[in-house]
Amino acid sequence: MHAHTLSFRAPDDFVQETLAAAARAGLKKSDYVRQAVREKNERTIAEHIAALSRELSAEHLTFNETLDGAITDGLD
C-alpha cells in the first residue's frame, strides 16, 4: 500500500474538537480523521445507492401501473 499525504486548512476550533475526539476514542489524530473520512465515504455511497434504488422503484411502479391498465385489454 502506498501512502499519500492529504492536508487542508481548518479553523482552530475544528482542530481542537478533532484532537479531543481522537483522544476520547484513543486514536491518533491521523487515524481518527482517516476513520471519519472512511465512514463519511461509506455513508455517502449508501445514500447514493438508496437514492438510485428509490428512483428505480418509482420507475418500476410507473411501469407496473401502465401494465395494470392493459391487463384486461382485449379480454371480454
PDB file of N, CA and C in Angstrom:
ATOM      1  N   MET A   1       0.853  -1.176   0.000  1.00  0.00           N
ATOM      2  CA  MET A   1       0.000   0.000   0.000  1.00  0.00           C
ATOM      3  C   MET A   1       0.896   1.234   0.000  1.00  0.00           C
ATOM      4  N   HIS A   2       0.637   2.102  -0.908  1.00  0.00           N
ATOM      5  CA  HIS A   2       1.380   3.359  -0.977  1.00  0.00           C
ATOM      6  C   HIS A   2       0.590   4.425  -0.239  1.00  0.00           C
ATOM      7  N   ALA A   3       1.222   5.087   0.698  1.00  0.00           N
ATOM      8  CA  ALA A   3       0.541   6.112   1.487  1.00  0.00           C
ATOM      9  C   ALA A   3       0.756   7.483   0.856  1.00  0.00           C
ATOM     10  N   HIS A   4      -0.272   8.279   0.883  1.00  0.00           N
ATOM     11  CA  HIS A   4      -0.225   9.655   0.402  1.00  0.00           C
ATOM     12  C   HIS A   4      -0.531  10.583   1.569  1.00  0.00           C
ATOM     13  N   THR A   5      -0.176  11.810   1.418  1.00  0.00           N
ATOM     14  CA  THR A   5      -0.458  12.803   2.441  1.00  0.00           C
ATOM     15  C   THR A   5      -1.522  13.754   1.928  1.00  0.00           C
ATOM     16  N   LEU A   6      -2.525  13.975   2.743  1.00  0.00           N
ATOM     17  CA  LEU A   6      -3.547  14.979   2.461  1.00  0.00           C
ATOM     18  C   LEU A   6      -3.385  16.077   3.495  1.00  0.00           C
ATOM     19  N   SER A   7      -3.535  17.301   3.060  1.00  0.00           N
ATOM     20  CA  SER A   7      -3.513  18.390   4.032  1.00  0.00           C
ATOM     21  C   SER A   7      -4.613  19.375   3.679  1.00  0.00           C
ATOM     22  N   PHE A   8      -5.128  20.032   4.691  1.00  0.00           N
ATOM     23  CA  PHE A   8      -6.168  21.034   4.485  1.00  0.00           C
ATOM     24  C   PHE A   8      -6.123  22.021   5.632  1.00  0.00           C
ATOM     25  N   ARG A   9      -6.611  23.180   5.360  1.00  0.00           N
ATOM     26  CA  ARG A   9      -6.667  24.218   6.381  1.00  0.00           C
ATOM     27  C   ARG A   9      -7.959  24.038   7.176  1.00  0.00           C
ATOM     28  N   ALA A  10      -7.844  24.199   8.466  1.00  0.00           N
ATOM     29  CA  ALA A  10      -9.010  24.055   9.328  1.00  0.00           C
ATOM     30  C   ALA A  10      -8.929  25.109  10.427  1.00  0.00           C
ATOM     31  N   PRO A  11     -10.068  25.639  10.829  1.00  0.00           N
ATOM     32  CA  PRO A  11     -10.071  26.625  11.906  1.00  0.00           C
ATOM     33  C   PRO A  11      -9.662  25.970  13.230  1.00  0.00           C
ATOM     34  N   ASP A  12      -9.167  26.795  14.135  1.00  0.00           N
ATOM     35  CA  ASP A  12      -8.677  26.306  15.423  1.00  0.00           C
ATOM     36  C   ASP A  12      -9.710  25.476  16.173  1.00  0.00           C
ATOM     37  N   ASP A  13     -10.977  25.912  16.169  1.00  0.00           N
ATOM     38  CA  ASP A  13     -11.989  25.171  16.920  1.00  0.00           C
ATOM     39  C   ASP A  13     -12.206  23.771  16.344  1.00  0.00           C
ATOM     40  N   PHE A  14     -12.137  23.638  15.021  1.00  0.00           N
ATOM     41  CA  PHE A  14     -12.267  22.330  14.385  1.00  0.00           C
ATOM     42  C   PHE A  14     -11.111  21.429  14.801  1.00  0.00           C
ATOM     43  N   VAL A  15      -9.913  21.982  14.793  1.00  0.00           N
ATOM     44  CA  VAL A  15      -8.720  21.211  15.171  1.00  0.00           C
ATOM     45  C   VAL A  15      -8.840  20.751  16.620  1.00  0.00           C
ATOM     46  N   GLN A  16      -9.239  21.648  17.506  1.00  0.00           N
ATOM     47  CA  GLN A  16      -9.354  21.288  18.921  1.00  0.00           C
ATOM     48  C   GLN A  16     -10.429  20.220  19.138  1.00  0.00           C
ATOM     49  N   GLU A  17     -11.561  20.359  18.455  1.00  0.00           N
ATOM     50  CA  GLU A  17     -12.629  19.349  18.558  1.00  0.00           C
ATOM     51  C   GLU A  17     -12.127  17.997  18.066  1.00  0.00           C
ATOM     52  N   THR A  18     -11.387  18.011  16.951  1.00  0.00           N
ATOM     53  CA  THR A  18     -10.871  16.773  16.373  1.00  0.00           C
ATOM     54  C   THR A  18      -9.850  16.121  17.287  1.00  0.00           C
ATOM     55  N   LEU A  19      -8.941  16.920  17.841  1.00  0.00           N
ATOM     56  CA  LEU A  19      -7.944  16.380  18.763  1.00  0.00           C
ATOM     57  C   LEU A  19      -8.610  15.780  20.001  1.00  0.00           C
ATOM     58  N   ALA A  20      -9.605  16.465  20.526  1.00  0.00           N
ATOM     59  CA  ALA A  20     -10.311  15.972  21.711  1.00  0.00           C
ATOM     60  C   ALA A  20     -11.072  14.682  21.401  1.00  0.00           C
ATOM     61  N   ALA A  21     -11.728  14.636  20.260  1.00  0.00           N
ATOM     62  CA  ALA A  21     -12.482  13.439  19.879  1.00  0.00           C
ATOM     63  C   ALA A  21     -11.543  12.258  19.645  1.00  0.00           C
ATOM     64  N   ALA A  22     -10.400  12.505  19.017  1.00  0.00           N
ATOM     65  CA  ALA A  22      -9.419  11.446  18.797  1.00  0.00           C
ATOM     66  C   ALA A  22      -8.910  10.913  20.130  1.00  0.00           C
ATOM     67  N   ALA A  23      -8.639  11.816  21.067  1.00  0.00           N
ATOM     68  CA  ALA A  23      -8.157  11.397  22.388  1.00  0.00           C
ATOM     69  C   ALA A  23      -9.210  10.559  23.102  1.00  0.00           C
ATOM     70  N   ARG A  24     -10.479  10.992  23.041  1.00  0.00           N
ATOM     71  CA  ARG A  24     -11.556  10.227  23.676  1.00  0.00           C
ATOM     72  C   ARG A  24     -11.676   8.839  23.063  1.00  0.00           C
ATOM     73  N   ALA A  25     -11.445   8.749  21.760  1.00  0.00           N
ATOM     74  CA  ALA A  25     -11.545   7.459  21.062  1.00  0.00           C
ATOM     75  C   ALA A  25     -10.276   6.622  21.223  1.00  0.00           C
ATOM     76  N   GLY A  26      -9.247   7.220  21.802  1.00  0.00           N
ATOM     77  CA  GLY A  26      -7.986   6.503  21.984  1.00  0.00           C
ATOM     78  C   GLY A  26      -7.225   6.305  20.683  1.00  0.00           C
ATOM     79  N   LEU A  27      -7.396   7.244  19.767  1.00  0.00           N
ATOM     80  CA  LEU A  27      -6.747   7.148  18.456  1.00  0.00           C
ATOM     81  C   LEU A  27      -5.802   8.319  18.231  1.00  0.00           C
ATOM     82  N   LYS A  28      -4.827   8.079  17.370  1.00  0.00           N
ATOM     83  CA  LYS A  28      -4.004   9.198  16.916  1.00  0.00           C
ATOM     84  C   LYS A  28      -4.902  10.057  16.028  1.00  0.00           C
ATOM     85  N   LYS A  29      -4.579  11.351  15.933  1.00  0.00           N
ATOM     86  CA  LYS A  29      -5.446  12.231  15.141  1.00  0.00           C
ATOM     87  C   LYS A  29      -5.525  11.783  13.689  1.00  0.00           C
ATOM     88  N   SER A  30      -4.428  11.301  13.123  1.00  0.00           N
ATOM     89  CA  SER A  30      -4.458  10.850  11.727  1.00  0.00           C
ATOM     90  C   SER A  30      -5.374   9.638  11.569  1.00  0.00           C
ATOM     91  N   ASP A  31      -5.329   8.699  12.526  1.00  0.00           N
ATOM     92  CA  ASP A  31      -6.218   7.536  12.466  1.00  0.00           C
ATOM     93  C   ASP A  31      -7.675   7.949  12.634  1.00  0.00           C
ATOM     94  N   TYR A  32      -7.900   8.907  13.525  1.00  0.00           N
ATOM     95  CA  TYR A  32      -9.266   9.388  13.752  1.00  0.00           C
ATOM     96  C   TYR A  32      -9.830  10.036  12.488  1.00  0.00           C
ATOM     97  N   VAL A  33      -9.054  10.902  11.870  1.00  0.00           N
ATOM     98  CA  VAL A  33      -9.510  11.580  10.646  1.00  0.00           C
ATOM     99  C   VAL A  33      -9.706  10.564   9.526  1.00  0.00           C
ATOM    100  N   ARG A  34      -8.768   9.620   9.400  1.00  0.00           N
ATOM    101  CA  ARG A  34      -8.876   8.588   8.368  1.00  0.00           C
ATOM    102  C   ARG A  34     -10.169   7.797   8.543  1.00  0.00           C
ATOM    103  N   GLN A  35     -10.463   7.406   9.777  1.00  0.00           N
ATOM    104  CA  GLN A  35     -11.681   6.654  10.064  1.00  0.00           C
ATOM    105  C   GLN A  35     -12.926   7.496   9.777  1.00  0.00           C
ATOM    106  N   ALA A  36     -12.890   8.760  10.166  1.00  0.00           N
ATOM    107  CA  ALA A  36     -14.040   9.637   9.929  1.00  0.00           C
ATOM    108  C   ALA A  36     -14.307   9.814   8.438  1.00  0.00           C
ATOM    109  N   VAL A  37     -13.257   9.993   7.668  1.00  0.00           N
ATOM    110  CA  VAL A  37     -13.426  10.165   6.219  1.00  0.00           C
ATOM    111  C   VAL A  37     -13.952   8.871   5.600  1.00  0.00           C
ATOM    112  N   ARG A  38     -13.410   7.740   6.035  1.00  0.00           N
ATOM    113  CA  ARG A  38     -13.878   6.453   5.511  1.00  0.00           C
ATOM    114  C   ARG A  38     -15.369   6.269   5.806  1.00  0.00           C
ATOM    115  N   GLU A  39     -15.779   6.566   7.045  1.00  0.00           N
ATOM    116  CA  GLU A  39     -17.194   6.439   7.413  1.00  0.00           C
ATOM    117  C   GLU A  39     -18.064   7.385   6.595  1.00  0.00           C
ATOM    118  N   LYS A  40     -17.596   8.610   6.381  1.00  0.00           N
ATOM    119  CA  LYS A  40     -18.357   9.572   5.570  1.00  0.00           C
ATOM    120  C   LYS A  40     -18.479   9.068   4.138  1.00  0.00           C
ATOM    121  N   ASN A  41     -17.386   8.533   3.577  1.00  0.00           N
ATOM    122  CA  ASN A  41     -17.432   7.999   2.218  1.00  0.00           C
ATOM    123  C   ASN A  41     -18.436   6.857   2.113  1.00  0.00           C
ATOM    124  N   GLU A  42     -18.420   5.956   3.086  1.00  0.00           N
ATOM    125  CA  GLU A  42     -19.356   4.833   3.093  1.00  0.00           C
ATOM    126  C   GLU A  42     -20.794   5.315   3.199  1.00  0.00           C
ATOM    127  N   ARG A  43     -21.031   6.306   4.047  1.00  0.00           N
ATOM    128  CA  ARG A  43     -22.381   6.851   4.214  1.00  0.00           C
ATOM    129  C   ARG A  43     -22.850   7.529   2.925  1.00  0.00           C
ATOM    130  N   THR A  44     -21.948   8.259   2.266  1.00  0.00           N
ATOM    131  CA  THR A  44     -22.297   8.931   1.010  1.00  0.00           C
ATOM    132  C   THR A  44     -22.651   7.915  -0.063  1.00  0.00           C
ATOM    133  N   ILE A  45     -21.866   6.846  -0.155  1.00  0.00           N
ATOM    134  CA  ILE A  45     -22.152   5.799  -1.134  1.00  0.00           C
ATOM    135  C   ILE A  45     -23.490   5.138  -0.824  1.00  0.00           C
ATOM    136  N   ALA A  46     -23.745   4.841   0.446  1.00  0.00           N
ATOM    137  CA  ALA A  46     -25.013   4.220   0.837  1.00  0.00           C
ATOM    138  C   ALA A  46     -26.198   5.123   0.506  1.00  0.00           C
ATOM    139  N   GLU A  47     -26.056   6.409   0.743  1.00  0.00           N
ATOM    140  CA  GLU A  47     -27.131   7.357   0.409  1.00  0.00           C
ATOM    141  C   GLU A  47     -27.360   7.408  -1.094  1.00  0.00           C
ATOM    142  N   HIS A  48     -26.291   7.344  -1.871  1.00  0.00           N
ATOM    143  CA  HIS A  48     -26.409   7.363  -3.332  1.00  0.00           C
ATOM    144  C   HIS A  48     -27.118   6.099  -3.817  1.00  0.00           C
ATOM    145  N   ILE A  49     -26.740   4.957  -3.265  1.00  0.00           N
ATOM    146  CA  ILE A  49     -27.386   3.697  -3.641  1.00  0.00           C
ATOM    147  C   ILE A  49     -28.858   3.733  -3.263  1.00  0.00           C
ATOM    148  N   ALA A  50     -29.185   4.260  -2.097  1.00  0.00           N
ATOM    149  CA  ALA A  50     -30.582   4.353  -1.669  1.00  0.00           C
ATOM    150  C   ALA A  50     -31.378   5.260  -2.596  1.00  0.00           C
ATOM    151  N   ALA A  51     -30.778   6.372  -3.023  1.00  0.00           N
ATOM    152  CA  ALA A  51     -31.468   7.287  -3.943  1.00  0.00           C
ATOM    153  C   ALA A  51     -31.709   6.603  -5.284  1.00  0.00           C
ATOM    154  N   LEU A  52     -30.715   5.882  -5.782  1.00  0.00           N
ATOM    155  CA  LEU A  52     -30.889   5.155  -7.040  1.00  0.00           C
ATOM    156  C   LEU A  52     -31.960   4.080  -6.906  1.00  0.00           C
ATOM    157  N   SER A  53     -31.988   3.418  -5.758  1.00  0.00           N
ATOM    158  CA  SER A  53     -32.989   2.386  -5.517  1.00  0.00           C
ATOM    159  C   SER A  53     -34.401   2.983  -5.501  1.00  0.00           C
ATOM    160  N   ARG A  54     -34.556   4.143  -4.842  1.00  0.00           N
ATOM    161  CA  ARG A  54     -35.868   4.800  -4.829  1.00  0.00           C
ATOM    162  C   ARG A  54     -36.286   5.204  -6.232  1.00  0.00           C
ATOM    163  N   GLU A  55     -35.330   5.705  -7.014  1.00  0.00           N
ATOM    164  CA  GLU A  55     -35.625   6.115  -8.387  1.00  0.00           C
ATOM    165  C   GLU A  55     -36.057   4.916  -9.227  1.00  0.00           C
ATOM    166  N   LEU A  56     -35.327   3.817  -9.105  1.00  0.00           N
ATOM    167  CA  LEU A  56     -35.669   2.618  -9.857  1.00  0.00           C
ATOM    168  C   LEU A  56     -37.012   2.061  -9.421  1.00  0.00           C
ATOM    169  N   SER A  57     -37.268   2.100  -8.114  1.00  0.00           N
ATOM    170  CA  SER A  57     -38.541   1.632  -7.594  1.00  0.00           C
ATOM    171  C   SER A  57     -39.697   2.459  -8.157  1.00  0.00           C
ATOM    172  N   ALA A  58     -39.515   3.771  -8.232  1.00  0.00           N
ATOM    173  CA  ALA A  58     -40.557   4.638  -8.789  1.00  0.00           C
ATOM    174  C   ALA A  58     -40.779   4.322 -10.262  1.00  0.00           C
ATOM    175  N   GLU A  59     -39.704   4.060 -10.990  1.00  0.00           N
ATOM    176  CA  GLU A  59     -39.844   3.700 -12.410  1.00  0.00           C
ATOM    177  C   GLU A  59     -40.593   2.384 -12.558  1.00  0.00           C
ATOM    178  N   HIS A  60     -40.276   1.406 -11.712  1.00  0.00           N
ATOM    179  CA  HIS A  60     -40.979   0.118 -11.777  1.00  0.00           C
ATOM    180  C   HIS A  60     -42.450   0.285 -11.421  1.00  0.00           C
ATOM    181  N   LEU A  61     -42.741   1.100 -10.434  1.00  0.00           N
ATOM    182  CA  LEU A  61     -44.126   1.337 -10.050  1.00  0.00           C
ATOM    183  C   LEU A  61     -44.896   1.940 -11.209  1.00  0.00           C
ATOM    184  N   THR A  62     -44.314   2.944 -11.851  1.00  0.00           N
ATOM    185  CA  THR A  62     -44.968   3.572 -13.006  1.00  0.00           C
ATOM    186  C   THR A  62     -45.207   2.552 -14.111  1.00  0.00           C
ATOM    187  N   PHE A  63     -44.191   1.748 -14.400  1.00  0.00           N
ATOM    188  CA  PHE A  63     -44.314   0.727 -15.441  1.00  0.00           C
ATOM    189  C   PHE A  63     -45.397  -0.281 -15.078  1.00  0.00           C
ATOM    190  N   ASN A  64     -45.403  -0.741 -13.828  1.00  0.00           N
ATOM    191  CA  ASN A  64     -46.412  -1.714 -13.399  1.00  0.00           C
ATOM    192  C   ASN A  64     -47.820  -1.132 -13.458  1.00  0.00           C
ATOM    193  N   GLU A  65     -47.953   0.153 -13.140  1.00  0.00           N
ATOM    194  CA  GLU A  65     -49.269   0.786 -13.218  1.00  0.00           C
ATOM    195  C   GLU A  65     -49.754   0.851 -14.657  1.00  0.00           C
ATOM    196  N   THR A  66     -48.855   1.073 -15.603  1.00  0.00           N
ATOM    197  CA  THR A  66     -49.269   1.086 -17.014  1.00  0.00           C
ATOM    198  C   THR A  66     -49.676  -0.314 -17.451  1.00  0.00           C
ATOM    199  N   LEU A  67     -49.033  -1.343 -16.926  1.00  0.00           N
ATOM    200  CA  LEU A  67     -49.412  -2.707 -17.258  1.00  0.00           C
ATOM    201  C   LEU A  67     -50.745  -3.087 -16.639  1.00  0.00           C
ATOM    202  N   ASP A  68     -51.013  -2.599 -15.437  1.00  0.00           N
ATOM    203  CA  ASP A  68     -52.287  -2.889 -14.782  1.00  0.00           C
ATOM    204  C   ASP A  68     -53.457  -2.446 -15.635  1.00  0.00           C
ATOM    205  N   GLY A  69     -53.314  -1.324 -16.302  1.00  0.00           N
ATOM    206  CA  GLY A  69     -54.393  -0.845 -17.153  1.00  0.00           C
ATOM    207  C   GLY A  69     -54.548  -1.666 -18.418  1.00  0.00           C
ATOM    208  N   ALA A  70     -53.523  -2.380 -18.795  1.00  0.00           N
ATOM    209  CA  ALA A  70     -53.555  -3.158 -20.033  1.00  0.00           C
ATOM    210  C   ALA A  70     -53.893  -4.621 -19.812  1.00  0.00           C
ATOM    211  N   ILE A  71     -54.028  -5.044 -18.566  1.00  0.00           N
ATOM    212  CA  ILE A  71     -54.252  -6.458 -18.283  1.00  0.00           C
ATOM    213  C   ILE A  71     -55.543  -6.969 -18.923  1.00  0.00           C
ATOM    214  N   THR A  72     -56.558  -6.157 -18.928  1.00  0.00           N
ATOM    215  CA  THR A  72     -57.848  -6.620 -19.458  1.00  0.00           C
ATOM    216  C   THR A  72     -58.056  -6.227 -20.914  1.00  0.00           C
ATOM    217  N   ASP A  73     -57.057  -5.618 -21.536  1.00  0.00           N
ATOM    218  CA  ASP A  73     -57.193  -5.236 -22.953  1.00  0.00           C
ATOM    219  C   ASP A  73     -57.477  -6.475 -23.796  1.00  0.00           C
ATOM    220  N   GLY A  74     -58.545  -6.411 -24.555  1.00  0.00           N
ATOM    221  CA  GLY A  74     -58.884  -7.490 -25.475  1.00  0.00           C
ATOM    222  C   GLY A  74     -59.589  -8.672 -24.821  1.00  0.00           C
ATOM    223  N   LEU A  75     -59.791  -8.615 -23.535  1.00  0.00           N
ATOM    224  CA  LEU A  75     -60.481  -9.693 -22.850  1.00  0.00           C
ATOM    225  C   LEU A  75     -61.908  -9.279 -22.565  1.00  0.00           C
ATOM    226  N   ASP A  76     -62.799 -10.130 -22.900  1.00  0.00           N
ATOM    227  CA  ASP A  76     -64.223  -9.849 -22.633  1.00  0.00           C
ATOM    228  C   ASP A  76     -64.819 -10.896 -21.750  1.00  0.00           C
TER     229      ASP A  76
END
